Every structure is written in C-alpha cells, then in structure tokens.
C-alpha cells in the first residue's frame, strides 16, 4: 500500500492524517509513504509520522518512509529526528 501526503500537513489536518495512517496499519500490510507533495507541515505532522513508525514496528509491519520531503521542510524534519525523510544531498 502507498500513502501520498500532499498539501498542508498541519495540526488542522492531524485527525485526517492520523486516520489514514491508522487505516493503513489496520490493513496489516507493508506501507510506503511519500512526502513529495507536502506544501506545509508543522511539528504535529512529524510527531504523527514518528508515532506511526513506532506503531508499525510494534506490529512487525514495514513502514517505508521515502526520502522525498520538499527541501523547505527538511530542517523541521531533522529537528524532530526524521532527517531520513529528506533527499540525500
């Protein structure tokens, strides 16, 4: 299964984003997440991604986070410990 995050990924969209991730987790299969379409993101988004990593790991399910986050968001991602979302330089 593939999840593509697009547009705003902020606290205003957190409930919807969480529901998408929980739905994918409930599916019980490997998930690949792309961040290339994210226009804006705040700390709530990155914390949600970190929580998803932990939840998938607890269930023994692969969650592949693609390193395709737009460059203007990489500093925030790195600050939350998610530098792997950023393309290699």
N, C-alpha and C. Protein backbone atom coordinates (compact mmCIF):
# COMPACT_ATOMS: atom_id res chain seq x y z
N UNK A 1 0.85 -1.17 0.00
CA UNK A 1 0.00 0.00 0.00
C UNK A 1 0.90 1.23 0.00
N UNK A 2 0.44 2.26 -0.68
CA UNK A 2 1.19 3.52 -0.74
C UNK A 2 0.31 4.65 -0.24
N UNK A 3 0.89 5.49 0.62
CA UNK A 3 0.22 6.70 1.10
C UNK A 3 1.01 7.88 0.56
N UNK A 4 0.31 8.80 -0.07
CA UNK A 4 0.96 10.02 -0.56
C UNK A 4 0.40 11.19 0.21
N UNK A 5 1.28 11.83 0.97
CA UNK A 5 0.89 13.03 1.70
C UNK A 5 1.03 14.22 0.77
N UNK A 6 -0.01 15.06 0.74
CA UNK A 6 0.00 16.22 -0.14
C UNK A 6 -0.60 17.42 0.57
N UNK A 7 -0.29 18.60 0.05
CA UNK A 7 -0.88 19.83 0.58
C UNK A 7 -0.40 20.14 1.98
N UNK A 8 -1.31 20.67 2.78
CA UNK A 8 -0.99 21.04 4.16
C UNK A 8 -1.07 19.82 5.06
N UNK A 9 -0.05 19.65 5.87
CA UNK A 9 0.00 18.57 6.86
C UNK A 9 0.31 19.24 8.20
N UNK A 10 -0.71 19.88 8.74
CA UNK A 10 -0.56 20.66 9.96
C UNK A 10 -1.55 20.15 11.00
N UNK A 11 -1.54 20.80 12.15
CA UNK A 11 -2.44 20.39 13.23
C UNK A 11 -3.90 20.41 12.77
N UNK A 12 -4.24 21.29 11.84
CA UNK A 12 -5.61 21.37 11.34
C UNK A 12 -6.03 20.10 10.61
N UNK A 13 -5.08 19.41 10.02
CA UNK A 13 -5.36 18.18 9.28
C UNK A 13 -4.97 16.92 10.06
N UNK A 14 -4.49 17.08 11.28
CA UNK A 14 -3.91 15.96 12.03
C UNK A 14 -4.88 14.79 12.19
N UNK A 15 -6.13 15.05 12.48
CA UNK A 15 -7.08 13.95 12.68
C UNK A 15 -7.25 13.13 11.40
N UNK A 16 -7.34 13.81 10.27
CA UNK A 16 -7.48 13.11 8.99
C UNK A 16 -6.22 12.31 8.66
N UNK A 17 -5.05 12.91 8.89
CA UNK A 17 -3.79 12.22 8.62
C UNK A 17 -3.63 11.00 9.52
N UNK A 18 -3.99 11.16 10.78
CA UNK A 18 -3.91 10.04 11.72
C UNK A 18 -4.84 8.91 11.28
N UNK A 19 -6.04 9.26 10.84
CA UNK A 19 -6.99 8.24 10.38
C UNK A 19 -6.44 7.47 9.18
N UNK A 20 -5.77 8.17 8.27
CA UNK A 20 -5.18 7.49 7.11
C UNK A 20 -4.11 6.50 7.55
N UNK A 21 -3.26 6.94 8.47
CA UNK A 21 -2.20 6.06 8.95
C UNK A 21 -2.75 4.87 9.73
N UNK A 22 -3.75 5.11 10.56
CA UNK A 22 -4.36 4.02 11.32
C UNK A 22 -5.06 3.04 10.39
N UNK A 23 -5.69 3.54 9.35
CA UNK A 23 -6.33 2.67 8.37
C UNK A 23 -5.32 1.79 7.67
N UNK A 24 -4.18 2.37 7.33
CA UNK A 24 -3.12 1.59 6.70
C UNK A 24 -2.58 0.54 7.67
N UNK A 25 -2.42 0.91 8.91
CA UNK A 25 -1.94 -0.03 9.93
C UNK A 25 -2.93 -1.18 10.10
N UNK A 26 -4.20 -0.87 10.11
CA UNK A 26 -5.23 -1.89 10.27
C UNK A 26 -5.25 -2.85 9.08
N UNK A 27 -4.79 -2.39 7.92
CA UNK A 27 -4.74 -3.24 6.74
C UNK A 27 -3.76 -4.40 6.88
N UNK A 28 -2.81 -4.26 7.80
CA UNK A 28 -1.89 -5.34 8.08
C UNK A 28 -0.88 -5.65 7.00
N UNK A 29 -0.58 -4.69 6.14
CA UNK A 29 0.40 -4.92 5.09
C UNK A 29 1.47 -3.84 5.10
N UNK A 30 2.52 -4.07 4.34
CA UNK A 30 3.60 -3.09 4.23
C UNK A 30 3.07 -1.79 3.64
N UNK A 31 3.60 -0.68 4.12
CA UNK A 31 3.18 0.64 3.65
C UNK A 31 4.40 1.44 3.23
N UNK A 32 4.25 2.13 2.12
CA UNK A 32 5.26 3.07 1.63
C UNK A 32 4.64 4.45 1.68
N UNK A 33 5.32 5.40 2.31
CA UNK A 33 4.78 6.76 2.45
C UNK A 33 5.65 7.75 1.68
N UNK A 34 4.98 8.55 0.86
CA UNK A 34 5.66 9.59 0.09
C UNK A 34 5.26 10.96 0.64
N UNK A 35 6.24 11.84 0.69
CA UNK A 35 6.04 13.18 1.23
C UNK A 35 6.27 14.27 0.19
N UNK A 36 6.48 13.88 -1.06
CA UNK A 36 6.86 14.81 -2.11
C UNK A 36 5.83 15.92 -2.32
N UNK A 37 4.57 15.65 -2.06
CA UNK A 37 3.53 16.64 -2.32
C UNK A 37 3.18 17.53 -1.14
N UNK A 38 3.92 17.42 -0.05
CA UNK A 38 3.61 18.23 1.14
C UNK A 38 4.03 19.68 0.89
N UNK A 39 3.08 20.58 1.06
CA UNK A 39 3.36 22.01 0.88
C UNK A 39 3.76 22.66 2.20
N UNK A 40 3.01 22.34 3.25
CA UNK A 40 3.29 22.88 4.59
C UNK A 40 3.16 21.76 5.59
N UNK A 41 4.01 21.81 6.61
CA UNK A 41 3.93 20.83 7.69
C UNK A 41 4.39 21.49 8.97
N UNK A 42 3.81 21.06 10.07
CA UNK A 42 4.25 21.57 11.37
C UNK A 42 4.69 20.38 12.22
N UNK A 43 5.08 20.67 13.43
CA UNK A 43 5.62 19.63 14.30
C UNK A 43 4.61 18.50 14.55
N UNK A 44 3.32 18.83 14.54
CA UNK A 44 2.32 17.78 14.78
C UNK A 44 2.41 16.70 13.70
N UNK A 45 2.70 17.08 12.49
CA UNK A 45 2.82 16.11 11.40
C UNK A 45 4.01 15.19 11.62
N UNK A 46 5.14 15.78 11.94
CA UNK A 46 6.33 14.96 12.13
C UNK A 46 6.20 14.04 13.35
N UNK A 47 5.55 14.52 14.39
CA UNK A 47 5.31 13.68 15.56
C UNK A 47 4.35 12.53 15.21
N UNK A 48 3.39 12.81 14.35
CA UNK A 48 2.47 11.77 13.89
C UNK A 48 3.21 10.69 13.10
N UNK A 49 4.14 11.11 12.26
CA UNK A 49 4.94 10.15 11.49
C UNK A 49 5.79 9.30 12.44
N UNK A 50 6.38 9.93 13.44
CA UNK A 50 7.19 9.17 14.41
C UNK A 50 6.32 8.17 15.17
N UNK A 51 5.13 8.58 15.55
CA UNK A 51 4.22 7.66 16.25
C UNK A 51 3.83 6.49 15.33
N UNK A 52 3.61 6.79 14.06
CA UNK A 52 3.28 5.73 13.10
C UNK A 52 4.43 4.74 12.98
N UNK A 53 5.67 5.25 12.94
CA UNK A 53 6.83 4.36 12.89
C UNK A 53 6.80 3.38 14.06
N UNK A 54 6.55 3.90 15.24
CA UNK A 54 6.52 3.06 16.44
C UNK A 54 5.38 2.05 16.38
N UNK A 55 4.21 2.48 15.95
CA UNK A 55 3.05 1.58 15.87
C UNK A 55 3.29 0.46 14.86
N UNK A 56 3.82 0.80 13.69
CA UNK A 56 4.10 -0.22 12.69
C UNK A 56 5.15 -1.20 13.21
N UNK A 57 6.19 -0.69 13.85
CA UNK A 57 7.24 -1.55 14.39
C UNK A 57 6.69 -2.50 15.45
N UNK A 58 5.82 -1.99 16.31
CA UNK A 58 5.22 -2.84 17.35
C UNK A 58 4.44 -4.00 16.76
N UNK A 59 3.84 -3.76 15.61
CA UNK A 59 3.05 -4.83 14.95
C UNK A 59 3.89 -5.66 13.99
N UNK A 60 5.16 -5.30 13.85
CA UNK A 60 6.03 -6.05 12.95
C UNK A 60 5.74 -5.81 11.49
N UNK A 61 5.19 -4.64 11.18
CA UNK A 61 4.84 -4.30 9.79
C UNK A 61 5.82 -3.27 9.24
N UNK A 62 6.23 -3.45 7.98
CA UNK A 62 7.14 -2.48 7.38
C UNK A 62 6.44 -1.16 7.06
N UNK A 63 7.09 -0.07 7.42
CA UNK A 63 6.66 1.27 7.03
C UNK A 63 7.86 1.93 6.39
N UNK A 64 7.84 2.06 5.09
CA UNK A 64 8.95 2.66 4.35
C UNK A 64 8.65 4.13 4.12
N UNK A 65 9.50 4.98 4.68
CA UNK A 65 9.35 6.42 4.53
C UNK A 65 10.29 6.87 3.42
N UNK A 66 9.71 7.32 2.32
CA UNK A 66 10.53 7.73 1.18
C UNK A 66 11.25 9.04 1.48
N UNK A 67 12.49 9.16 1.05
CA UNK A 67 13.25 10.38 1.29
C UNK A 67 12.95 11.43 0.22
N UNK A 68 11.70 11.87 0.18
CA UNK A 68 11.29 12.81 -0.88
C UNK A 68 10.58 14.06 -0.34
N UNK A 69 10.83 14.39 0.92
CA UNK A 69 10.23 15.58 1.51
C UNK A 69 10.80 16.82 0.82
N UNK A 70 9.95 17.80 0.48
CA UNK A 70 10.46 19.02 -0.14
C UNK A 70 11.52 19.69 0.74
N UNK A 71 12.56 20.22 0.12
CA UNK A 71 13.69 20.79 0.87
C UNK A 71 13.31 21.85 1.90
N UNK A 72 12.28 22.63 1.63
CA UNK A 72 11.94 23.70 2.58
C UNK A 72 11.39 23.16 3.90
N UNK A 73 11.12 21.87 3.98
CA UNK A 73 10.61 21.27 5.21
C UNK A 73 11.65 20.40 5.92
N UNK A 74 12.81 20.28 5.33
CA UNK A 74 13.82 19.36 5.87
C UNK A 74 14.37 19.78 7.22
N UNK A 75 14.48 21.06 7.47
CA UNK A 75 15.01 21.49 8.76
C UNK A 75 14.08 21.04 9.90
N UNK A 76 12.78 21.23 9.70
CA UNK A 76 11.81 20.80 10.72
C UNK A 76 11.84 19.29 10.88
N UNK A 77 11.95 18.57 9.78
CA UNK A 77 12.01 17.10 9.86
C UNK A 77 13.24 16.66 10.65
N UNK A 78 14.36 17.26 10.36
CA UNK A 78 15.60 16.91 11.06
C UNK A 78 15.49 17.24 12.54
N UNK A 79 14.85 18.34 12.86
CA UNK A 79 14.71 18.76 14.25
C UNK A 79 13.92 17.74 15.06
N UNK A 80 12.99 17.05 14.41
CA UNK A 80 12.18 16.05 15.11
C UNK A 80 12.77 14.64 14.98
N UNK A 81 13.96 14.54 14.42
CA UNK A 81 14.61 13.24 14.30
C UNK A 81 14.22 12.46 13.06
N UNK A 82 13.67 13.16 12.07
CA UNK A 82 13.24 12.49 10.84
C UNK A 82 14.01 12.98 9.62
N UNK A 83 15.30 13.18 9.78
CA UNK A 83 16.13 13.63 8.66
C UNK A 83 16.08 12.66 7.49
N UNK A 84 15.74 11.39 7.76
CA UNK A 84 15.68 10.41 6.67
C UNK A 84 14.57 10.69 5.66
N UNK A 85 13.68 11.61 5.97
CA UNK A 85 12.63 11.98 5.02
C UNK A 85 13.17 12.89 3.92
N UNK A 86 14.34 13.45 4.13
CA UNK A 86 14.91 14.42 3.20
C UNK A 86 15.79 13.74 2.17
N UNK A 87 15.75 14.25 0.94
CA UNK A 87 16.62 13.68 -0.10
C UNK A 87 18.09 13.82 0.28
N UNK A 88 18.89 12.87 -0.16
CA UNK A 88 20.34 12.96 0.08
C UNK A 88 20.89 14.15 -0.67
N UNK A 89 21.86 14.77 -0.04
CA UNK A 89 22.46 15.96 -0.69
C UNK A 89 23.67 15.59 -1.48
